[in-house]
């Protein structure tokens, strides 16, 4: 008992420290906002935004907990001050309301079969969001008393994703998509909702985000198994600014993207993308991410992938788009005819790909070998001859050496119809995150980075499959709410 009490008190102390940090950041934020409005300052505005984002992650990590109910050692509960239960604000009267009545059709006592009479009712109002508008759903649960045995019958409370919460699956899905797909930080969402007459504090929204991410964890694990179960993966990564609130210092984290997409070679397997976050770009991270994977990894020339190819469990396939870029940059100068010639030869490879999308792997491999095999042989010879004639220190020489060093991996797609000539599919999958990352900077929270990667994985996969991500998450969260095995059984005897 003493050991358990010590653990709970230690956890309480840790949560108290987090709440004190949140309070200090709120004071600092208020001070910065006053200074911002007192005198125009772009720097102060950026720092205030960083603090807003930092608070989002802290509040999502540690939603306001209740005080631990532990009596002092050796004493009872007498003398402890009574805690007040916080009062909830009523939902705005101007919102449209929809009433759902539970259990009113039950007319026979489940205990003895006697006739029931209505004693009263309990009403639970929850806030819902349907595309374009808010509404309130009133869940009415009549209390029924048996005239014969006086047993009380009542339908169970409505199933909601967050127990005792006031947000429906539709509203939670809307908040998640607004933050991680539309790149609206929670404090901006709070301001938008206020214009609609709704008081939804950032801390409340952060609590919802944190709890929703926890609910979605099993689905993310299933998604990861699906992605890693493929025979071919595209991989890429992008930097993410990580800001330490109040210090002005910036670190660089990474977002890794792993894409399984077999549609180009005619497979009906659903495509999926898995994002992972890491605080740095060390090779240990992709090694850990790809531990379950066996097959061909199509990626750029990042050295951290090299260790994966040892032993043959993972086979490398390189990217012609990365080979092409330095030649294109030199071509734009207008003074590099050899670079222009390299572009012409690479274009011949892509011309072969026209019409191959959706065809089975064996047919793609056969057509590539027949039409692109000689182009590759000629290009390899031309690269070697050109390299011997130009300065080894030139940018052109560097571009040629990059291609020759990866020649086996660059030509692997020729005989394997499952592969693409480049890594562009995963670059398209990671582009939405790079476009919006300035709005959802993780503000020094690695946990926020992992949470963003998880939810972005579900949103990105929904988009790949042609689904509306908000409708998809709404459906998923509704099913999670309904799958609670602890829900009481609703009486089945109904009036006719």
Protein backbone atom coordinates (compact mmCIF):
# COMPACT_ATOMS: atom_id res chain seq x y z
CA UNK A 1 0.00 0.00 0.00
CA UNK A 2 2.82 2.40 0.90
CA UNK A 3 4.62 1.60 -2.38
CA UNK A 4 1.46 2.31 -4.40
CA UNK A 5 0.89 5.53 -2.48
CA UNK A 6 4.47 6.63 -3.23
CA UNK A 7 4.02 5.94 -6.98
CA UNK A 8 0.76 7.90 -7.14
CA UNK A 9 2.23 10.83 -5.22
CA UNK A 10 5.27 10.88 -7.55
CA UNK A 11 2.97 10.94 -10.59
CA UNK A 12 0.95 13.71 -8.98
CA UNK A 13 4.13 15.73 -8.41
CA UNK A 14 5.11 15.30 -12.05
CA UNK A 15 1.67 16.44 -13.25
CA UNK A 16 1.81 19.37 -10.86
CA UNK A 17 5.14 20.38 -12.39
CA UNK A 18 3.63 20.22 -15.87
CA UNK A 19 0.69 22.37 -14.79
CA UNK A 20 3.08 24.91 -13.25
CA UNK A 21 5.07 25.01 -16.53
CA UNK A 22 1.84 25.57 -18.47
CA UNK A 23 0.89 28.39 -16.10
CA UNK A 24 4.32 30.05 -16.52
CA UNK A 25 4.07 29.79 -20.31
CA UNK A 26 0.59 31.29 -20.24
CA UNK A 27 1.88 34.27 -18.26
CA UNK A 28 4.80 34.66 -20.64
CA UNK A 29 2.44 34.45 -23.61
CA UNK A 30 0.13 37.10 -22.14
CA UNK A 31 3.12 39.39 -21.58
CA UNK A 32 4.31 38.92 -25.17
CA UNK A 33 0.83 39.57 -26.56
CA UNK A 34 0.62 42.83 -24.59
CA UNK A 35 4.03 43.86 -25.87
CA UNK A 36 3.02 42.90 -29.41
CA UNK A 37 -0.05 45.09 -29.35
CA UNK A 38 1.87 47.85 -27.62
CA UNK A 39 4.44 48.09 -30.40
CA UNK A 40 4.62 46.34 -33.75
CA UNK A 41 7.22 43.57 -33.70
CA UNK A 42 7.44 40.63 -36.06
CA UNK A 43 9.91 38.92 -33.72
CA UNK A 44 7.54 39.16 -30.75
CA UNK A 45 4.71 37.81 -32.88
CA UNK A 46 6.78 34.79 -33.90
CA UNK A 47 7.81 34.11 -30.30
CA UNK A 48 4.20 34.35 -29.15
CA UNK A 49 3.14 31.89 -31.87
CA UNK A 50 5.88 29.52 -30.70
CA UNK A 51 4.51 29.68 -27.16
CA UNK A 52 0.98 29.03 -28.41
CA UNK A 53 2.21 25.89 -30.18
CA UNK A 54 4.25 24.81 -27.16
CA UNK A 55 1.17 25.09 -24.95
CA UNK A 56 -0.84 23.01 -27.44
CA UNK A 57 1.60 20.12 -27.13
CA UNK A 58 1.97 20.37 -23.33
CA UNK A 59 -1.80 20.45 -22.86
CA UNK A 60 -2.28 17.56 -25.28
CA UNK A 61 0.35 15.53 -23.41
CA UNK A 62 -1.11 16.28 -19.98
CA UNK A 63 -4.83 17.11 -20.00
CA UNK A 64 -5.88 18.63 -16.70
CA UNK A 65 -5.93 15.70 -14.23
CA UNK A 66 -7.94 15.46 -11.06
CA UNK A 67 -6.20 15.69 -7.70
CA UNK A 68 -5.24 12.23 -6.37
CA UNK A 69 -7.71 10.96 -3.80
CA UNK A 70 -5.20 9.56 -1.29
CA UNK A 71 -5.62 9.91 2.45
CA UNK A 72 -2.52 10.83 4.48
CA UNK A 73 -0.63 7.82 5.82
CA UNK A 74 -2.34 6.45 8.92
CA UNK A 75 -5.31 8.85 8.72
CA UNK A 76 -8.79 8.82 7.37
CA UNK A 77 -10.48 11.29 5.08
CA UNK A 78 -11.69 13.60 7.85
CA UNK A 79 -10.32 17.11 7.73
CA UNK A 80 -9.61 17.08 4.01
CA UNK A 81 -11.16 20.15 2.31
CA UNK A 82 -13.97 19.25 -0.04
CA UNK A 83 -13.05 19.72 -3.68
CA UNK A 84 -15.43 21.62 -5.88
CA UNK A 85 -16.45 20.03 -9.13
CA UNK A 86 -15.81 22.49 -11.99
CA UNK A 87 -18.98 23.79 -13.61
CA UNK A 88 -19.40 23.29 -17.34
CA UNK A 89 -20.65 26.16 -19.39
CA UNK A 90 -23.93 25.39 -21.14
CA UNK A 91 -23.71 25.02 -24.90
CA UNK A 92 -24.88 28.15 -26.74
CA UNK A 93 -28.64 28.51 -27.19
CA UNK A 94 -28.32 29.74 -30.78
CA UNK A 95 -27.03 26.37 -32.05
CA UNK A 96 -29.59 24.07 -33.65
CA UNK A 97 -30.50 21.06 -31.53
CA UNK A 98 -31.33 17.49 -32.43
CA UNK A 99 -32.93 15.24 -29.81
CA UNK A 100 -32.15 11.53 -29.59
CA UNK A 101 -34.24 9.59 -27.05
CA UNK A 102 -32.79 6.35 -25.66
CA UNK A 103 -34.83 3.51 -24.16
CA UNK A 104 -38.24 5.22 -24.27
CA UNK A 105 -39.65 2.27 -26.21
CA UNK A 106 -39.02 -0.13 -23.29
CA UNK A 107 -42.36 -0.79 -21.55
CA UNK A 108 -41.73 -4.05 -19.67
CA UNK A 109 -39.53 -4.31 -16.58
CA UNK A 110 -36.44 -6.38 -17.45
CA UNK A 111 -36.47 -7.78 -13.88
CA UNK A 112 -40.08 -8.99 -13.55
CA UNK A 113 -41.92 -8.02 -16.74
CA UNK A 114 -44.11 -5.51 -14.94
CA UNK A 115 -45.48 -2.26 -16.38
CA UNK A 116 -43.10 0.73 -16.29
CA UNK A 117 -43.98 4.33 -15.46
CA UNK A 118 -41.85 7.38 -16.27
CA UNK A 119 -40.18 9.08 -13.30
CA UNK A 120 -38.12 11.68 -15.12
CA UNK A 121 -35.19 11.83 -17.49
CA UNK A 122 -31.50 12.64 -17.78
CA UNK A 123 -30.35 14.89 -20.62
CA UNK A 124 -26.81 14.95 -21.98
CA UNK A 125 -25.93 17.65 -24.50
CA UNK A 126 -22.92 17.09 -26.74
CA UNK A 127 -21.40 19.30 -29.40
CA UNK A 128 -21.31 17.93 -32.92
CA UNK A 129 -19.86 19.20 -36.18
CA UNK A 130 -21.17 18.40 -39.62
CA UNK A 131 -19.44 19.96 -42.64
CA UNK A 132 -20.08 23.68 -42.50
CA UNK A 133 -21.91 24.01 -39.18
CA UNK A 134 -22.11 23.12 -35.49
CA UNK A 135 -25.11 21.58 -33.81
CA UNK A 136 -26.06 20.26 -30.39
CA UNK A 137 -27.31 16.71 -29.96
CA UNK A 138 -29.56 16.23 -26.91
CA UNK A 139 -29.43 12.64 -25.66
CA UNK A 140 -32.57 12.10 -23.55
CA UNK A 141 -32.69 8.99 -21.32
CA UNK A 142 -36.03 8.53 -19.52
CA UNK A 143 -35.93 6.93 -16.06
CA UNK A 144 -38.62 4.24 -15.86
CA UNK A 145 -39.96 2.60 -12.69
CA UNK A 146 -41.69 -0.78 -12.53
CA UNK A 147 -45.15 -0.56 -10.94
CA UNK A 148 -44.79 -4.12 -9.66
CA UNK A 149 -41.25 -4.43 -8.23
CA UNK A 150 -40.19 -0.74 -8.17
CA UNK A 151 -37.01 -1.57 -10.17
CA UNK A 152 -35.58 1.40 -12.05
CA UNK A 153 -34.77 1.02 -15.74
CA UNK A 154 -32.82 3.48 -17.85
CA UNK A 155 -30.87 3.29 -21.12
CA UNK A 156 -27.09 3.64 -20.74
CA UNK A 157 -25.39 6.95 -21.49
CA UNK A 158 -24.55 7.60 -25.15
CA UNK A 159 -21.30 6.12 -26.41
CA UNK A 160 -18.76 8.86 -27.09
CA UNK A 161 -15.11 8.53 -28.16
CA UNK A 162 -13.97 10.43 -25.05
CA UNK A 163 -15.73 9.21 -21.92
CA UNK A 164 -17.77 11.92 -20.17
CA UNK A 165 -16.74 14.32 -22.90
CA UNK A 166 -18.87 16.75 -24.85
CA UNK A 167 -17.35 16.23 -28.30
CA UNK A 168 -18.79 13.85 -30.87
CA UNK A 169 -16.68 11.89 -33.32
CA UNK A 170 -17.56 14.46 -35.99
CA UNK A 171 -16.19 17.37 -33.97
CA UNK A 172 -13.02 15.49 -32.99
CA UNK A 173 -12.40 14.58 -36.63
CA UNK A 174 -12.88 18.20 -37.65
CA UNK A 175 -10.34 19.46 -35.08
CA UNK A 176 -7.77 16.83 -36.10
CA UNK A 177 -8.09 17.51 -39.82
CA UNK A 178 -8.01 21.28 -39.29
CA UNK A 179 -4.76 20.96 -37.32
CA UNK A 180 -2.90 18.27 -39.24
CA UNK A 181 -4.27 18.58 -42.79
CA UNK A 182 -5.32 22.24 -43.02
CA UNK A 183 -2.45 23.34 -40.74
CA UNK A 184 -4.54 25.44 -38.34
CA UNK A 185 -2.99 25.47 -34.85
CA UNK A 186 -5.43 25.02 -32.00
CA UNK A 187 -5.29 28.62 -30.79
CA UNK A 188 -6.36 29.77 -34.27
CA UNK A 189 -9.16 27.21 -34.33
CA UNK A 190 -10.30 28.52 -30.95
CA UNK A 191 -10.48 32.04 -32.38
CA UNK A 192 -12.46 30.81 -35.40
CA UNK A 193 -14.96 28.97 -33.21
CA UNK A 194 -15.35 32.04 -31.00
CA UNK A 195 -16.62 33.95 -34.05
CA UNK A 196 -19.36 31.31 -34.31
CA UNK A 197 -20.35 31.97 -30.70
CA UNK A 198 -18.58 28.91 -29.27
CA UNK A 199 -16.17 29.10 -26.36
CA UNK A 200 -13.72 26.24 -26.98
CA UNK A 201 -10.46 26.95 -25.19
CA UNK A 202 -7.17 25.85 -26.67
CA UNK A 203 -6.57 23.64 -23.61
CA UNK A 204 -9.86 21.84 -24.26
CA UNK A 205 -8.98 21.28 -27.91
CA UNK A 206 -5.51 20.06 -26.90
CA UNK A 207 -7.08 17.58 -24.49
CA UNK A 208 -9.25 16.27 -27.33
CA UNK A 209 -6.26 15.94 -29.67
CA UNK A 210 -4.23 14.02 -27.10
CA UNK A 211 -7.04 11.63 -26.22
CA UNK A 212 -7.99 11.12 -29.88
CA UNK A 213 -4.40 10.24 -30.75
CA UNK A 214 -4.41 7.63 -27.97
CA UNK A 215 -7.69 6.16 -29.26
CA UNK A 216 -6.30 5.94 -32.80
CA UNK A 217 -3.07 4.20 -31.76
CA UNK A 218 -4.30 0.63 -32.52
CA UNK A 219 -5.37 1.76 -36.00
CA UNK A 220 -1.93 3.31 -36.60
CA UNK A 221 -0.28 0.05 -35.52
CA UNK A 222 -2.41 -1.84 -38.05
CA UNK A 223 -1.49 0.71 -40.72
CA UNK A 224 2.21 0.25 -39.93
CA UNK A 225 1.90 -3.52 -40.30
CA UNK A 226 0.22 -3.05 -43.68
CA UNK A 227 2.89 -0.66 -44.95
CA UNK A 228 5.80 -2.79 -43.75
CA UNK A 229 4.16 -5.93 -45.17
CA UNK A 230 4.70 -4.82 -48.77
CA UNK A 231 7.51 -6.04 -51.00
CA UNK A 232 8.45 -2.54 -52.21
CA UNK A 233 8.61 0.68 -50.21
CA UNK A 234 9.36 4.28 -51.16
CA UNK A 235 11.16 6.24 -48.45
CA UNK A 236 12.05 9.90 -47.94
CA UNK A 237 12.48 12.41 -45.14
CA UNK A 238 12.13 16.14 -44.62
CA UNK A 239 13.43 18.54 -41.94
CA UNK A 240 11.09 19.94 -39.31
CA UNK A 241 11.91 23.03 -37.20
CA UNK A 242 11.69 22.21 -33.49
CA UNK A 243 11.44 25.33 -31.37
CA UNK A 244 12.27 25.55 -27.68
CA UNK A 245 9.64 27.96 -26.30
CA UNK A 246 10.99 31.18 -24.88
CA UNK A 247 14.60 30.55 -25.87
CA UNK A 248 14.49 31.57 -29.52
CA UNK A 249 16.64 28.54 -30.38
CA UNK A 250 15.73 26.20 -33.19
CA UNK A 251 16.67 22.54 -33.61
CA UNK A 252 15.95 20.34 -36.61
CA UNK A 253 13.88 17.20 -36.29
CA UNK A 254 12.94 14.90 -39.15
CA UNK A 255 9.75 13.51 -40.58
CA UNK A 256 10.22 10.17 -42.36
CA UNK A 257 7.72 8.93 -44.94
CA UNK A 258 7.31 5.29 -45.98
CA UNK A 259 4.92 4.68 -48.85
CA UNK A 260 3.39 1.43 -50.08
CA UNK A 261 1.72 1.99 -53.43
CA UNK A 262 1.32 -0.94 -55.79
CA UNK A 263 -1.23 0.67 -58.10
CA UNK A 264 1.31 1.48 -60.87
CA UNK A 265 1.77 -2.24 -61.58
CA UNK A 266 -1.93 -3.08 -61.46
CA UNK A 267 -2.27 -4.32 -57.87
CA UNK A 268 -5.56 -3.81 -56.02
CA UNK A 269 -3.78 -3.59 -52.65
CA UNK A 270 -4.81 -0.31 -50.96
CA UNK A 271 -2.00 2.26 -50.91
CA UNK A 272 -0.84 3.60 -47.55
CA UNK A 273 1.71 6.04 -46.17
CA UNK A 274 3.36 5.86 -42.75
CA UNK A 275 5.03 8.93 -41.24
CA UNK A 276 7.50 8.72 -38.39
CA UNK A 277 9.11 11.52 -36.40
CA UNK A 278 12.62 11.62 -34.96
CA UNK A 279 14.51 14.43 -33.18
CA UNK A 280 17.49 14.08 -35.56
CA UNK A 281 18.59 12.35 -38.78
CA UNK A 282 20.71 9.57 -37.31
CA UNK A 283 20.73 6.29 -39.22
CA UNK A 284 19.37 4.46 -36.19
CA UNK A 285 15.89 5.90 -36.83
CA UNK A 286 15.17 4.47 -40.31
CA UNK A 287 16.85 1.26 -39.18
CA UNK A 288 14.33 0.99 -36.32
CA UNK A 289 11.39 2.04 -38.50
CA UNK A 290 12.21 -0.56 -41.17
CA UNK A 291 13.07 -3.44 -38.84
CA UNK A 292 9.94 -5.43 -39.88
CA UNK A 293 10.45 -4.77 -43.61
CA UNK A 294 11.90 -7.20 -46.15
CA UNK A 295 12.02 -6.23 -49.80
CA UNK A 296 13.12 -3.41 -52.11
CA UNK A 297 13.55 0.09 -50.68
CA UNK A 298 13.41 2.90 -53.22
CA UNK A 299 15.06 6.00 -51.78
CA UNK A 300 17.58 8.76 -52.41
CA UNK A 301 21.29 8.50 -51.70
CA UNK A 302 21.06 9.28 -47.95
CA UNK A 303 23.96 7.49 -46.27
CA UNK A 304 21.81 6.44 -43.31
CA UNK A 305 20.05 3.89 -45.51
CA UNK A 306 23.32 2.16 -46.44
CA UNK A 307 23.38 -0.10 -43.38
CA UNK A 308 19.95 -1.47 -44.30
CA UNK A 309 21.31 -3.01 -47.50
CA UNK A 310 23.88 -5.19 -45.76
CA UNK A 311 22.88 -8.83 -45.66
CA UNK A 312 20.34 -8.65 -48.46
CA UNK A 313 17.20 -8.37 -46.32
CA UNK A 314 16.57 -4.94 -47.87
CA UNK A 315 17.56 -4.29 -51.49
CA UNK A 316 18.32 -0.79 -52.76
CA UNK A 317 16.57 0.86 -55.70
CA UNK A 318 17.80 4.37 -56.52
CA UNK A 319 15.98 7.38 -57.95
CA UNK A 320 16.47 8.83 -61.43
CA UNK A 321 14.79 12.08 -60.38
CA UNK A 322 17.67 12.71 -57.94
CA UNK A 323 20.16 11.99 -60.73
CA UNK A 324 18.39 14.41 -63.05
CA UNK A 325 18.24 17.44 -60.73
CA UNK A 326 21.89 18.55 -60.78
CA UNK A 327 21.99 18.21 -64.58
CA UNK A 328 18.85 20.34 -64.80
CA UNK A 329 20.37 23.03 -62.56
CA UNK A 330 23.42 23.17 -64.82
CA UNK A 331 21.23 23.22 -67.93
CA UNK A 332 19.41 26.32 -66.65
CA UNK A 333 22.67 28.28 -66.77
CA UNK A 334 22.62 28.00 -70.56
CA UNK A 335 26.36 27.24 -70.55
CA UNK A 336 26.41 23.49 -70.01
CA UNK A 337 25.63 21.61 -73.25
CA UNK A 338 26.83 18.33 -71.74
CA UNK A 339 24.27 18.67 -68.96
CA UNK A 340 21.59 19.30 -71.59
CA UNK A 341 22.68 16.12 -73.36
CA UNK A 342 22.38 14.17 -70.10
CA UNK A 343 18.83 15.49 -69.70
CA UNK A 344 17.98 14.34 -73.22
CA UNK A 345 19.19 10.82 -72.49
CA UNK A 346 17.29 10.63 -69.19
CA UNK A 347 14.15 11.84 -70.98
CA UNK A 348 14.38 8.77 -73.24
CA UNK A 349 14.01 6.56 -70.14
CA UNK A 350 10.85 8.38 -69.05
CA UNK A 351 9.42 8.14 -72.57
CA UNK A 352 9.52 4.35 -72.19
CA UNK A 353 7.35 4.64 -69.04
CA UNK A 354 4.46 6.20 -70.96
CA UNK A 355 1.69 3.65 -71.19
CA UNK A 356 3.16 1.27 -68.60
CA UNK A 357 1.09 2.46 -65.63
CA UNK A 358 -1.37 -0.17 -64.47
CA UNK A 359 0.17 -3.02 -66.45
CA UNK A 360 1.31 -6.18 -64.62
CA UNK A 361 4.94 -6.38 -63.42
CA UNK A 362 6.12 -8.98 -65.94
CA UNK A 363 4.83 -6.92 -68.88
CA UNK A 364 6.42 -3.75 -67.53
CA UNK A 365 9.76 -5.50 -67.10
CA UNK A 366 9.61 -6.99 -70.60
CA UNK A 367 8.85 -3.64 -72.26
CA UNK A 368 11.53 -1.83 -70.25
CA UNK A 369 14.21 -4.36 -71.17
CA UNK A 370 13.24 -4.16 -74.84
CA UNK A 371 13.04 -0.37 -75.06
CA UNK A 372 15.19 1.07 -72.25
CA UNK A 373 17.98 -1.49 -71.95
CA UNK A 374 20.04 -0.11 -74.82
CA UNK A 375 19.40 3.50 -73.70
CA UNK A 376 20.92 2.67 -70.31
CA UNK A 377 23.93 0.94 -71.83
CA UNK A 378 24.62 3.92 -74.08
CA UNK A 379 24.16 6.37 -71.20
CA UNK A 380 26.61 4.46 -68.98
CA UNK A 381 29.25 4.53 -71.71
CA UNK A 382 28.60 8.22 -72.36
CA UNK A 383 28.93 9.04 -68.64
CA UNK A 384 32.30 7.29 -68.44
CA UNK A 385 33.63 8.95 -71.61
CA UNK A 386 32.42 12.40 -70.56
CA UNK A 387 33.89 12.03 -67.08
CA UNK A 388 37.31 11.33 -68.54
CA UNK A 389 37.21 14.54 -70.58
CA UNK A 390 36.09 17.13 -68.02
CA UNK A 391 37.54 18.55 -64.83
CA UNK A 392 37.02 16.19 -61.90
CA UNK A 393 36.23 19.18 -59.67
CA UNK A 394 33.37 20.47 -61.80
CA UNK A 395 29.70 20.24 -60.81
CA UNK A 396 29.06 18.19 -63.94
CA UNK A 397 31.65 15.62 -62.86
CA UNK A 398 30.03 15.41 -59.45
CA UNK A 399 26.62 14.76 -61.00
CA UNK A 400 28.05 12.00 -63.22
CA UNK A 401 29.89 10.34 -60.33
CA UNK A 402 26.66 10.36 -58.28
CA UNK A 403 24.93 8.39 -61.07
CA UNK A 404 27.79 5.94 -61.70
CA UNK A 405 28.19 5.17 -58.00
CA UNK A 406 24.54 4.02 -57.85
CA UNK A 407 24.30 2.46 -61.29
CA UNK A 408 23.23 -1.01 -60.14
CA UNK A 409 20.51 0.45 -57.92
CA UNK A 410 19.45 2.90 -60.65
CA UNK A 411 18.96 0.12 -63.21
CA UNK A 412 17.24 -2.36 -60.88
CA UNK A 413 13.81 -1.16 -62.03
CA UNK A 414 14.59 -2.46 -65.52
CA UNK A 415 14.07 -6.12 -64.57
CA UNK A 416 11.57 -5.62 -61.73
CA UNK A 417 8.21 -4.40 -62.94
CA UNK A 418 7.09 -3.59 -59.39
CA UNK A 419 9.55 -0.69 -59.22
CA UNK A 420 9.33 2.86 -60.49
CA UNK A 421 12.22 4.73 -62.14
CA UNK A 422 12.17 7.35 -59.39
CA UNK A 423 11.05 8.12 -55.85
CA UNK A 424 8.52 10.78 -56.84
CA UNK A 425 5.50 8.93 -55.35
CA UNK A 426 6.74 9.37 -51.78
CA UNK A 427 7.85 12.95 -52.47
CA UNK A 428 4.26 13.71 -53.46
CA UNK A 429 3.08 12.07 -50.23
CA UNK A 430 5.41 14.18 -48.09
CA UNK A 431 4.79 17.49 -49.88
CA UNK A 432 1.59 18.41 -47.92
CA UNK A 433 3.59 18.24 -44.70
CA UNK A 434 6.39 20.41 -46.02
CA UNK A 435 3.89 23.02 -47.22
CA UNK A 436 2.15 23.27 -43.85
CA UNK A 437 4.89 22.65 -41.33
CA UNK A 438 5.37 26.35 -40.52
CA UNK A 439 1.89 26.36 -39.03
CA UNK A 440 2.26 23.28 -36.84
CA UNK A 441 5.82 23.56 -35.58
CA UNK A 442 6.29 21.15 -32.73
CA UNK A 443 7.62 23.91 -30.45
CA UNK A 444 10.18 21.77 -28.70
CA UNK A 445 7.89 18.80 -28.08
CA UNK A 446 9.10 15.52 -29.50
CA UNK A 447 5.87 13.94 -28.29
CA UNK A 448 4.00 16.47 -30.43
CA UNK A 449 6.10 15.36 -33.39
CA UNK A 450 5.20 11.70 -32.89
CA UNK A 451 1.52 12.62 -32.51
CA UNK A 452 1.54 14.72 -35.68
CA UNK A 453 3.23 11.92 -37.65
CA UNK A 454 0.64 9.40 -36.42
CA UNK A 455 -2.44 11.42 -37.29
CA UNK A 456 -0.90 12.62 -40.58
CA UNK A 457 -0.40 8.94 -41.50
CA UNK A 458 -4.13 8.26 -41.19
CA UNK A 459 -5.06 11.44 -43.04
CA UNK A 460 -2.52 10.81 -45.83
CA UNK A 461 -3.64 7.20 -46.27
CA UNK A 462 -7.28 8.28 -46.49
CA UNK A 463 -6.38 10.72 -49.25
CA UNK A 464 -4.39 8.08 -51.16
CA UNK A 465 -7.51 5.92 -51.20
CA UNK A 466 -9.77 8.71 -52.44
CA UNK A 467 -11.49 9.22 -49.08
CA UNK A 468 -12.44 12.46 -47.36
CA UNK A 469 -10.10 12.33 -44.32
CA UNK A 470 -12.60 14.09 -42.05
CA UNK A 471 -15.40 11.67 -42.94
CA UNK A 472 -12.97 8.77 -42.53
CA UNK A 473 -11.81 9.83 -39.05
CA UNK A 474 -15.41 10.54 -38.03
CA UNK A 475 -16.41 7.00 -38.98
CA UNK A 476 -13.38 5.49 -37.23
CA UNK A 477 -13.96 7.41 -34.00
CA UNK A 478 -17.65 6.51 -34.02
CA UNK A 479 -16.77 2.84 -34.33
CA UNK A 480 -14.26 3.17 -31.48
CA UNK A 481 -17.00 4.66 -29.29
CA UNK A 482 -19.45 1.88 -30.16
CA UNK A 483 -16.88 -0.91 -29.64
CA UNK A 484 -16.56 -0.33 -25.88
CA UNK A 485 -17.08 -3.79 -24.40
CA UNK A 486 -17.92 -2.28 -21.02
CA UNK A 487 -21.09 -0.60 -22.23
CA UNK A 488 -24.12 -1.90 -20.33
CA UNK A 489 -26.66 -3.95 -22.20
CA UNK A 490 -29.76 -2.07 -23.34
CA UNK A 491 -33.04 -3.83 -22.45
CA UNK A 492 -34.53 -5.55 -25.48
CA UNK A 493 -38.19 -5.79 -24.44
CA UNK A 494 -39.98 -3.08 -26.40
CA UNK A 495 -43.55 -1.88 -26.74
CA UNK A 496 -45.53 -2.99 -29.76
